[in-house]
Amino acid sequence: MREMYFVEAINEAMIEEMRRDPAVFILGEDIRYGHGGGIFGATKGMLEEFGEERVIDTPLSELAISGSAAGAAYMGMRPIAEIMFADFMSICHDLIVNGASKFRWASDGKAGCPVVYRAAFGAGVGATLHHSQSPEAWLMNAPGLTIVMPSTPYDAKGLLKSAIRYDDPVIFLEHKLLYRRLKGEVPEEEYLIPIRKADVKRAGTDVTVGATGAMVHQALEAAKILEEREGLSLEVVDPRTLLPLDEDTILDSVRKTGRVVIVHEAPVTGGFGAEVAAVIAEKAIEYLNGPILRVGAPWCSVPANRNLERDFYLPTAEKIIQAVKDVIRYGGEL
């Protein structure tokens, strides 16, 4: 099977969907040219194939992008709205949370708002405090939204194609660290990955590690190290869709291992991991042999200093390893 970069999978998914459905178009800041298809290269080649009417450069206004996309979706189009940095979804929060997400209810279920808000997020590239955040928790409490966070090129392409065909608004979060640092196998033939379906990235028996985005790869590294050093078997579960959550896959894993560590890049306080922990506590607490531990960023902004960003702020394989050892130790088994 061929290999491609994460951002190439994103690009191919959009091109295929625009070829398939003339109602699909894309709008955003600097997407026509930039550095060969936007600043990340995600829209490379799209202007040449689809023209200016379907590849629309916008002013530097996330509010204009999000509102125009929602309006087009109301009128029967299927827009892909690129928000260059997910940090600035705070600017268009009202239009997404009080507009797009509520259209299904406002229309008495007769119509949806089929828009995809794509946004690059995450730390690790030295983009500092205003361009490096993980904002998924800001949007988790908005009924009507679907939030997707792929961790591999395969997942990115299959989930984005499904998101574009979805009849309600989708927040599609792409970790910028993965764009051109991660390659993976992607089939040439068409495939879709269903929304709300988690994936077990590595099977194991001793501890469940639930991880999102780029943290999936830190969890897999931790699993490899612990197997070699300690003979421990970690099961790594990637939710892929954060909202709505595939509870069954997570709970099945927890019932098997009896121990849980949840990893996400955003600050631990109020983060996505708290929701997962609550679901496990409510529905599988009798299977637990220790506390539910979370690994995430500290309660601060992303540091400008690259060493602090790497060693202090970001969750790492070693931090996950320590949490795994702690959850086993609490059960009196280490």
Protein backbone atom coordinates (compact mmCIF):
# COMPACT_ATOMS: atom_id res chain seq x y z
CA MET A 1 0.00 0.00 0.00
CA ARG A 2 1.25 3.52 -0.78
CA GLU A 3 2.35 5.90 1.98
CA MET A 4 1.57 9.59 2.25
CA TYR A 5 1.94 12.42 4.72
CA PHE A 6 -0.93 13.38 7.01
CA VAL A 7 -1.51 16.66 5.13
CA GLU A 8 -1.48 14.85 1.78
CA ALA A 9 -4.26 12.57 3.01
CA ILE A 10 -6.29 15.64 4.02
CA ASN A 11 -5.70 17.18 0.60
CA GLU A 12 -6.67 14.03 -1.28
CA ALA A 13 -9.87 13.60 0.74
CA MET A 14 -11.05 17.11 -0.15
CA ILE A 15 -10.17 16.78 -3.83
CA GLU A 16 -12.01 13.47 -4.13
CA GLU A 17 -15.11 14.89 -2.44
CA MET A 18 -15.09 18.02 -4.61
CA ARG A 19 -14.89 15.84 -7.70
CA ARG A 20 -17.74 13.69 -6.43
CA ASP A 21 -20.13 16.47 -5.35
CA PRO A 22 -20.33 19.91 -6.99
CA ALA A 23 -21.95 21.28 -3.82
CA VAL A 24 -18.64 20.89 -1.97
CA PHE A 25 -16.38 23.95 -1.93
CA ILE A 26 -13.68 25.34 0.34
CA LEU A 27 -13.07 28.79 1.78
CA GLY A 28 -10.44 30.22 4.07
CA GLU A 29 -7.47 32.52 4.50
CA ASP A 30 -4.71 32.29 1.90
CA ILE A 31 -5.85 28.89 0.65
CA ARG A 32 -5.35 29.54 -3.06
CA TYR A 33 -1.66 30.22 -3.01
CA GLY A 34 0.08 30.53 0.35
CA HIS A 35 3.07 28.20 0.34
CA GLY A 36 1.68 25.94 -2.35
CA GLY A 37 -1.86 25.48 -1.06
CA GLY A 38 -2.30 27.45 2.14
CA ILE A 39 0.35 27.81 4.80
CA PHE A 40 0.28 24.06 5.47
CA GLY A 41 -0.19 22.88 1.89
CA ALA A 42 -3.59 21.29 2.56
CA THR A 43 -5.25 22.94 -0.46
CA LYS A 44 -2.45 22.31 -2.95
CA GLY A 45 -3.67 21.93 -6.54
CA MET A 46 -7.29 22.73 -5.73
CA LEU A 47 -7.46 26.17 -7.35
CA GLU A 48 -6.05 24.82 -10.60
CA GLU A 49 -8.62 22.03 -10.76
CA PHE A 50 -11.76 23.64 -9.34
CA GLY A 51 -11.35 27.35 -9.99
CA GLU A 52 -12.01 30.49 -8.02
CA GLU A 53 -15.73 29.82 -7.48
CA ARG A 54 -15.03 26.68 -5.42
CA VAL A 55 -11.69 27.61 -3.86
CA ILE A 56 -12.38 30.94 -2.18
CA ASP A 57 -9.78 33.14 -0.52
CA THR A 58 -11.36 35.14 2.29
CA PRO A 59 -10.36 38.19 4.30
CA LEU A 60 -8.44 37.54 7.53
CA SER A 61 -11.67 37.11 9.45
CA GLU A 62 -12.61 33.83 11.13
CA LEU A 63 -16.01 35.38 11.82
CA ALA A 64 -16.59 35.93 8.09
CA ILE A 65 -15.37 32.43 7.22
CA SER A 66 -17.55 30.64 9.75
CA GLY A 67 -20.65 32.71 9.04
CA SER A 68 -20.36 32.46 5.26
CA ALA A 69 -19.88 28.71 5.51
CA ALA A 70 -22.90 28.25 7.77
CA GLY A 71 -25.04 30.37 5.44
CA ALA A 72 -23.96 28.39 2.40
CA ALA A 73 -24.74 25.14 4.22
CA TYR A 74 -28.22 26.43 5.11
CA MET A 75 -28.77 27.01 1.37
CA GLY A 76 -27.84 23.47 0.36
CA MET A 77 -24.09 23.68 -0.25
CA ARG A 78 -21.46 21.59 1.57
CA PRO A 79 -18.71 24.03 2.54
CA ILE A 80 -15.35 23.18 4.03
CA ALA A 81 -14.29 26.16 6.12
CA GLU A 82 -10.59 26.28 6.90
CA ILE A 83 -9.78 28.06 10.15
CA MET A 84 -6.03 28.51 9.81
CA PHE A 85 -5.33 28.09 13.53
CA ALA A 86 -7.85 26.43 15.85
CA ASP A 87 -6.99 28.98 18.56
CA PHE A 88 -9.06 31.51 16.64
CA MET A 89 -12.20 29.40 16.74
CA SER A 90 -12.91 31.49 19.82
CA ILE A 91 -13.59 34.39 17.43
CA CYS A 92 -16.28 32.44 15.56
CA HIS A 93 -17.55 30.59 18.61
CA ASP A 94 -20.96 32.27 18.56
CA LEU A 95 -21.70 31.47 14.93
CA ILE A 96 -20.71 27.83 15.40
CA VAL A 97 -22.22 27.16 18.83
CA ASN A 98 -25.32 29.37 18.65
CA GLY A 99 -25.81 29.12 14.90
CA ALA A 100 -24.62 26.07 12.99
CA SER A 101 -24.97 23.59 15.86
CA LYS A 102 -28.60 24.59 16.56
CA PHE A 103 -29.99 24.61 13.04
CA ARG A 104 -31.26 21.04 13.28
CA TRP A 105 -33.36 21.97 16.32
CA ALA A 106 -34.35 25.40 14.94
CA SER A 107 -35.76 23.74 11.83
CA ASP A 108 -37.68 21.11 13.82
CA GLY A 109 -35.35 18.47 12.43
CA LYS A 110 -36.21 19.29 8.83
CA ALA A 111 -32.75 20.57 7.86
CA GLY A 112 -29.17 20.33 9.00
CA CYS A 113 -26.09 22.45 8.50
CA PRO A 114 -23.61 20.30 6.55
CA VAL A 115 -20.45 22.31 7.11
CA VAL A 116 -16.97 21.09 8.06
CA TYR A 117 -14.80 23.47 10.07
CA ARG A 118 -11.22 22.27 9.55
CA ALA A 119 -8.63 23.71 11.89
CA ALA A 120 -4.94 23.12 12.61
CA PHE A 121 -4.26 22.80 16.33
CA GLY A 122 -1.63 21.75 18.82
CA ALA A 123 1.81 22.53 20.19
CA GLY A 124 5.25 21.19 19.41
CA VAL A 125 6.27 23.40 16.50
CA GLY A 126 7.27 26.54 18.40
CA ALA A 127 4.19 28.54 17.37
CA THR A 128 3.78 29.91 20.94
CA LEU A 129 0.71 30.71 23.00
CA HIS A 130 -1.73 32.05 20.38
CA HIS A 131 -1.16 29.41 17.69
CA SER A 132 -0.61 26.18 19.62
CA GLN A 133 -3.66 25.39 21.72
CA SER A 134 -5.90 22.31 21.73
CA PRO A 135 -9.42 23.79 21.91
CA GLU A 136 -11.62 20.71 21.78
CA ALA A 137 -12.95 21.21 25.32
CA TRP A 138 -14.18 24.70 24.40
CA LEU A 139 -16.67 23.05 22.03
CA MET A 140 -17.53 19.84 23.87
CA ASN A 141 -20.63 21.28 25.58
CA ALA A 142 -22.43 22.31 22.38
CA PRO A 143 -25.23 19.89 21.41
CA GLY A 144 -25.40 19.47 17.66
CA LEU A 145 -21.66 19.56 17.03
CA THR A 146 -19.53 16.60 16.07
CA ILE A 147 -15.82 16.83 16.91
CA VAL A 148 -13.30 14.68 15.03
CA MET A 149 -9.57 14.38 15.78
CA PRO A 150 -7.65 11.90 13.60
CA SER A 151 -4.17 10.67 14.50
CA THR A 152 -3.00 8.95 11.29
CA PRO A 153 -3.11 9.70 7.55
CA TYR A 154 -5.45 6.72 7.05
CA ASP A 155 -7.88 8.01 9.64
CA ALA A 156 -7.57 11.59 8.45
CA LYS A 157 -8.65 10.79 4.92
CA GLY A 158 -11.45 8.37 5.79
CA LEU A 159 -12.89 10.56 8.52
CA LEU A 160 -12.71 13.78 6.50
CA LYS A 161 -14.60 12.21 3.63
CA SER A 162 -17.28 11.07 6.07
CA ALA A 163 -17.37 14.51 7.68
CA ILE A 164 -17.92 16.23 4.32
CA ARG A 165 -20.89 13.92 3.66
CA TYR A 166 -22.30 14.44 7.16
CA ASP A 167 -25.55 16.40 7.40
CA ASP A 168 -24.67 18.40 10.53
CA PRO A 169 -21.68 20.58 11.48
CA VAL A 170 -18.36 18.88 12.11
CA ILE A 171 -15.29 20.36 13.82
CA PHE A 172 -12.34 18.59 12.21
CA LEU A 173 -9.13 19.11 14.20
CA GLU A 174 -5.79 18.40 12.50
CA HIS A 175 -2.63 18.39 14.58
CA LYS A 176 -0.12 20.60 12.80
CA LEU A 177 2.81 18.60 14.18
CA LEU A 178 1.60 15.61 12.17
CA TYR A 179 1.13 17.39 8.83
CA ARG A 180 4.59 16.70 7.38
CA ARG A 181 6.17 14.64 10.15
CA LEU A 182 3.92 11.61 9.95
CA LYS A 183 3.60 9.23 7.02
CA GLY A 184 1.26 6.29 6.89
CA GLU A 185 -0.44 3.82 4.60
CA VAL A 186 -3.48 5.10 2.71
CA PRO A 187 -5.40 2.93 0.20
CA GLU A 188 -5.79 4.18 -3.35
CA GLU A 189 -9.36 2.93 -3.54
CA GLU A 190 -12.14 4.94 -1.90
CA TYR A 191 -12.95 4.22 1.73
CA LEU A 192 -14.86 5.92 4.53
CA ILE A 193 -14.37 5.71 8.29
CA PRO A 194 -17.64 6.10 10.17
CA ILE A 195 -18.09 9.00 12.54
CA ARG A 196 -18.29 7.94 16.21
CA LYS A 197 -16.13 4.84 15.88
CA ALA A 198 -13.03 4.51 18.06
CA ASP A 199 -10.03 2.44 17.06
CA VAL A 200 -7.81 0.18 19.14
CA LYS A 201 -4.36 1.17 17.89
CA ARG A 202 -2.62 -1.48 19.97
CA ALA A 203 -4.21 -4.41 21.81
CA GLY A 204 -3.14 -5.08 25.39
CA THR A 205 -4.22 -6.60 28.68
CA ASP A 206 -2.75 -4.65 31.61
CA VAL A 207 -3.71 -0.97 31.22
CA THR A 208 -5.99 0.94 28.86
CA VAL A 209 -4.44 4.16 27.57
CA GLY A 210 -6.98 6.39 25.86
CA ALA A 211 -5.21 9.02 23.75
CA THR A 212 -6.14 11.64 21.17
CA GLY A 213 -4.41 13.34 18.24
CA ALA A 214 -0.62 13.43 18.37
CA MET A 215 -0.75 11.92 21.86
CA VAL A 216 -1.70 8.59 20.30
CA HIS A 217 1.88 8.30 19.08
CA GLN A 218 3.27 9.17 22.50
CA ALA A 219 1.04 6.46 23.97
CA LEU A 220 2.23 3.92 21.41
CA GLU A 221 5.84 4.80 22.21
CA ALA A 222 5.11 4.37 25.92
CA ALA A 223 3.51 0.99 25.23
CA LYS A 224 6.55 -0.17 23.29
CA ILE A 225 8.96 0.94 26.03
CA LEU A 226 6.94 -0.61 28.86
CA GLU A 227 6.64 -3.90 27.03
CA GLU A 228 10.40 -4.02 26.52
CA ARG A 229 11.40 -2.78 29.98
CA GLU A 230 8.66 -4.13 32.26
CA GLY A 231 6.78 -6.76 30.28
CA LEU A 232 3.61 -4.69 30.60
CA SER A 233 0.88 -4.85 27.97
CA LEU A 234 -0.85 -1.54 27.19
CA GLU A 235 -3.99 -1.25 25.11
CA VAL A 236 -4.02 2.07 23.24
CA VAL A 237 -7.48 3.33 22.26
CA ASP A 238 -7.96 6.31 19.97
CA PRO A 239 -11.51 7.73 20.17
CA ARG A 240 -11.07 9.50 16.80
CA THR A 241 -14.50 11.10 17.25
CA LEU A 242 -14.55 13.02 20.54
CA LEU A 243 -18.18 14.09 20.29
CA PRO A 244 -20.27 11.98 20.21
CA LEU A 245 -18.03 9.48 21.96
CA ASP A 246 -17.79 5.78 21.15
CA GLU A 247 -18.31 4.68 24.72
CA ASP A 248 -18.61 0.98 23.92
CA THR A 249 -15.06 0.55 22.60
CA ILE A 250 -13.59 2.41 25.57
CA LEU A 251 -15.67 0.54 28.14
CA ASP A 252 -14.91 -2.84 26.57
CA SER A 253 -11.19 -2.08 26.90
CA VAL A 254 -11.55 -0.93 30.52
CA ARG A 255 -13.49 -4.05 31.46
CA LYS A 256 -10.64 -6.11 30.03
CA THR A 257 -7.70 -4.30 31.66
CA GLY A 258 -9.19 -2.83 34.84
CA ARG A 259 -6.86 0.20 34.72
CA VAL A 260 -7.06 3.46 32.80
CA VAL A 261 -4.80 6.36 31.84
CA ILE A 262 -6.29 9.11 29.66
CA VAL A 263 -3.95 11.32 27.62
CA HIS A 264 -4.69 14.55 25.77
CA GLU A 265 -2.62 17.58 24.90
CA ALA A 266 -4.88 20.29 26.32
CA PRO A 267 -4.62 21.25 30.01
CA VAL A 268 -5.95 18.53 32.29
CA THR A 269 -8.39 20.84 34.08
CA GLY A 270 -11.74 20.77 32.31
CA GLY A 271 -10.33 18.73 29.47
CA PHE A 272 -11.76 15.96 27.28
CA GLY A 273 -10.25 13.38 29.64
CA ALA A 274 -12.61 14.45 32.40
CA GLU A 275 -15.60 13.44 30.27
CA VAL A 276 -14.06 10.05 29.49
CA ALA A 277 -13.25 9.53 33.16
CA ALA A 278 -16.85 10.33 34.12
CA VAL A 279 -18.22 7.84 31.59
CA ILE A 280 -15.91 5.11 32.92
CA ALA A 281 -16.74 5.93 36.56
CA GLU A 282 -20.47 5.78 35.84
CA LYS A 283 -20.52 2.67 33.68
CA ALA A 284 -17.51 0.51 34.54
CA ILE A 285 -16.34 1.44 38.02
CA GLU A 286 -16.79 -2.11 39.30
CA TYR A 287 -14.08 -3.27 36.89
CA LEU A 288 -11.43 -0.79 38.05
CA ASN A 289 -8.41 -1.91 40.06
CA GLY A 290 -7.09 1.62 40.58
CA PRO A 291 -7.95 5.28 40.01
CA ILE A 292 -8.51 6.83 36.61
CA LEU A 293 -5.42 8.92 35.90
CA ARG A 294 -5.10 11.75 33.38
CA VAL A 295 -2.01 13.03 31.59
CA GLY A 296 -2.22 16.43 29.93
CA ALA A 297 -0.73 19.89 29.83
CA PRO A 298 -0.27 21.94 33.00
CA TRP A 299 -2.57 24.87 33.81
CA CYS A 300 -0.72 27.50 31.78
CA SER A 301 -0.40 28.89 28.26
CA VAL A 302 1.87 27.18 25.75
CA PRO A 303 5.43 28.44 26.44
CA ALA A 304 7.33 30.40 23.81
CA ASN A 305 10.57 28.69 24.82
CA ARG A 306 10.98 25.52 22.74
CA ASN A 307 12.63 23.58 25.56
CA LEU A 308 9.81 24.43 27.97
CA GLU A 309 7.24 23.52 25.33
CA ARG A 310 8.84 20.13 24.77
CA ASP A 311 9.95 19.17 28.28
CA PHE A 312 7.48 20.97 30.57
CA TYR A 313 4.25 21.58 28.68
CA LEU A 314 3.64 18.67 26.34
CA PRO A 315 2.70 15.18 27.51
CA THR A 316 5.42 12.70 26.59
CA ALA A 317 5.91 8.96 26.50
CA GLU A 318 7.85 9.15 29.76
CA LYS A 319 5.01 11.01 31.49
CA ILE A 320 2.57 8.38 30.27
CA ILE A 321 4.89 5.64 31.52
CA GLN A 322 4.94 7.22 34.97
CA ALA A 323 1.14 7.42 35.04
CA VAL A 324 0.86 3.76 34.02
CA LYS A 325 3.22 2.76 36.80
CA ASP A 326 1.26 4.87 39.27
CA VAL A 327 -2.09 3.34 38.37
CA ILE A 328 -0.63 -0.15 38.78
CA ARG A 329 1.11 0.81 42.03
CA TYR A 330 -2.17 2.11 43.47
CA GLY A 331 -3.54 -1.39 42.98
CA GLY A 332 -0.65 -2.80 44.99
CA GLU A 333 0.84 -4.65 42.05
CA LEU A 334 4.10 -2.83 41.39
